[in-house]
Amino acid sequence: MSEEFFLEIGTEEIPARFLPDAMKNLEELLKKEFEKNRLSYGIIRTFSTPRRICALVEELSSYQDDLIVEKMGPAKKVAFDINGNPLKPALGFAKSQGLKVDDLIVKETPKGEYVFAIKKIKGKEALEVLKTILPDIILKIPFPKTMRWNSLSIRFVRPIHWIVAILSGKVIPFSLENIKSGNKTFGHRFMKPNSFEINSFSDYIMKTEEAFVIVDPDKRKKMIENDIKKEAKKVNGMPLMVEGLLEEVIFLTEYPNLILGSFDKEFLMLPSEVLTNAMVEHQRYFPIIDNEGSIMPYFIAVNNILPKEKDLIKNGHERVLRARLSDARFYFDEDLMVKMDKWVEELKKVVFQTKLGTSYEKMTRFKALALFISELLDINKQEKIDRAATLCKADLVSGMVGEFPKLQGVMGRIYAIKAGEDIEVADAIYEHYLPRFSGDKLPAGPIGDIISIADRMDTIIGCFGIGIIPTGTQDPYGLRRHTLAIINIIIRKGYRISLSKIIDKSLELIAEKIERPKDDIKREVLVFFRSRFFSLLVSQGFSPDLVEGVLSANFDDLYDALLRVEALNRMRKREEFLPLAIAFKRVMNILKERALVEVNPELFEESQEKKLFSSIQHIKEKFNNLINESKYDDALFLLASLKEDIDQFFDHVLVMADDKRIRENRLALLDGVASLFTRIADFSKISVE
């Protein structure tokens, strides 16, 4: 027999960004506790609005599964006599388990025959189990931030006002301090705030919708998507669906209602990025665009109520946006009267980090680093790199960015173009902030790439240099994000560059600011990069052992490391891979005692060592050329040709010979084999199972 279980946690308004994860985490917590408590279940669905988090569980078993407990007792030889009669140990064990002696069984174990008690523990009713586990489940839902509210000792993201917990219509009784579970929920805070009882999920859905609450976020999404298109069509436009805005307004509303508003056409003289930012970031409005993608003087606001006086609400939205756009126009006009080089000088008054100096000092450091990187990459755009790096932080002190911080870089590009700067310089001012988050676009041109790498590396080295190192969830300067950005730019653009050289140059440029030994900083930064790179490659589907093998060999050239991972991943699917990996492991197992001598062919005694040496010499030049050309697939197949000679060597040659000279010469020969393999990977890290 199965039941329908429904849970609702009613709260004050929860931040929209917390709710998607809260739903996923509640589902996982329920699954974990059901499995732990032997309750079978069907489909679990979770829902949320700003004021409630809910879960519906279909086909939850009415009872726990029975539990069979097996308890080992004394050895048979001490529990029974030779005739099978129970002795004192058997009698005592049976009594302690609440069983008769006849209920005991004898089983064979690795230690011999032992007496066992088999007990069946009958499962409890689901309702009894749920009232025990639900308080913990609710309080274990993780949020970025929780607090104690009012006089309660429990912590939650927002104050809990009510809890609905029903199993096939029956209330599951429990308390979170003075908050008791029940079957009463509440309607929309403003439109129907009264409470009402529910007895099933279908009853809940019907009554909450009558009370102006759409609990299913997918349904709210469809409502908004349909209505937003209808509203935009009224002015022959289309909604501009800015990433993240739709999901945010879904979780800001319980009963979404859309209003079409307008603003003065004179504001269209502002850059489209400014208009979009003012509407989206500040007001959570959807801009409307025409067929050519240009901003129209209209917007759509998503409200959480059905207004009685729609025009009043519409006028309120328009008034707020007009004030915001008036400010933007003022700052834009003021900014255009200032030369960007003046802003550059003002960066001397802006502190980047107390110990690392001003934004101007930072700019001079990463500009020098960017020019150094351009030389390493042989990109002959030094003048443009110099100018773009000089100007790329200038807009931080502009009026517009002061009012609209997310427009940093965007306004710098616009102002640079209006000032007559080269378009590549202007583009790089914006692009050096890319990528801003995982999956974001990269800079389009090499100047943006180089300045982005240089700026981020200066931040990473500076922070490590004064002891600001990410730990757990603490990463105030976004060093993990900066590291991944550098890695992504390098590997996705195919740049062949030494990570160590960039770090060394950055350390040189920031030497007077750092407080720790350079060697320690470099070592820790490389470990940090390695960890991020490892995680990135594994997240892309490469096996951890293969990635570990490649990075253990060398990862100074990140793009080269990626090419080696890809080649090995292809090779692993072929029959030649396993023998190749096994051959290397045989070599490395004996090379724990490494030789420090050169191979001397005159000391060879066996034909197999002569043959292995000859084969190495035969492929060595071609192999090194393939490695230098990053043709790793061909290089791996060339290595595979040594497999037979390596096996013959181990089958017929005693490596650890009594004669020290012979022994060291043979170790040196194997070291030569290993040195070829490790140009690609440390195969000892790669699983051969």
Foldseek 3Di string as FASTA:
>chain_A
DFWKKKKKWFFAFFALVFPVLLQVLLVVLVVVLCVVQQWDWDDKGWWAARGMTMIITTGTDFWHAKDKDKDWFAAPPQQADPVRHGDPRLCVVQVVVVHDSVQWDWDQDPVGITIMHIDIGTTDGPLVSCQVCVVVSQLPRDGPDWDDDDPAPGIDSGDTDAMEIAIQQHGSWHDRVPHTYDQKDAEDVPQGGDIDGARHPVRVCVVNVVSQFRGHLVVLLVVCVVVQQVLLVVVQWGWDDDPPLSSSVSRNAGHKDKDKAFEDPVLLVDPPVLLCLLCCVPPSWTFIAHPVRRTDRMIMHIDRDDDPDRVVVRVVVHVVSHVSSVQLVVLVVVQLVDDLVVLLVVQQVAAPDPLQHTPNLLLVLLLVLLLVVCVQQVPPPNVLLNLLSSRLQSCCPGSNCVSRVVCRLVVSLVSCVVVPHDNVSSLLSNQLCPPVDPPRDHRPDPSNLSSVLSSLLLVLLLCVLAPNDDDDPDDVPCNLVSLVRNLCSCQVVVGFGFQLVSLVSSCVSRVVRGDDDSVVSSVVVVVSSLVSLLVVVVVVPQDSLLLQFLVVLPCRGVNLSVLLSVLLVVVVVDPLNLLLLVLLLVLVVVCVPAAPDAADLVLDDDPLLVVLLVLCVVCVVVLVVCLVVSVNNVNSVSLSVSSVSSVVCVVPPDLCDPPPVSNSNSSNSSVSNNVSVSSRTNSVSHDSD
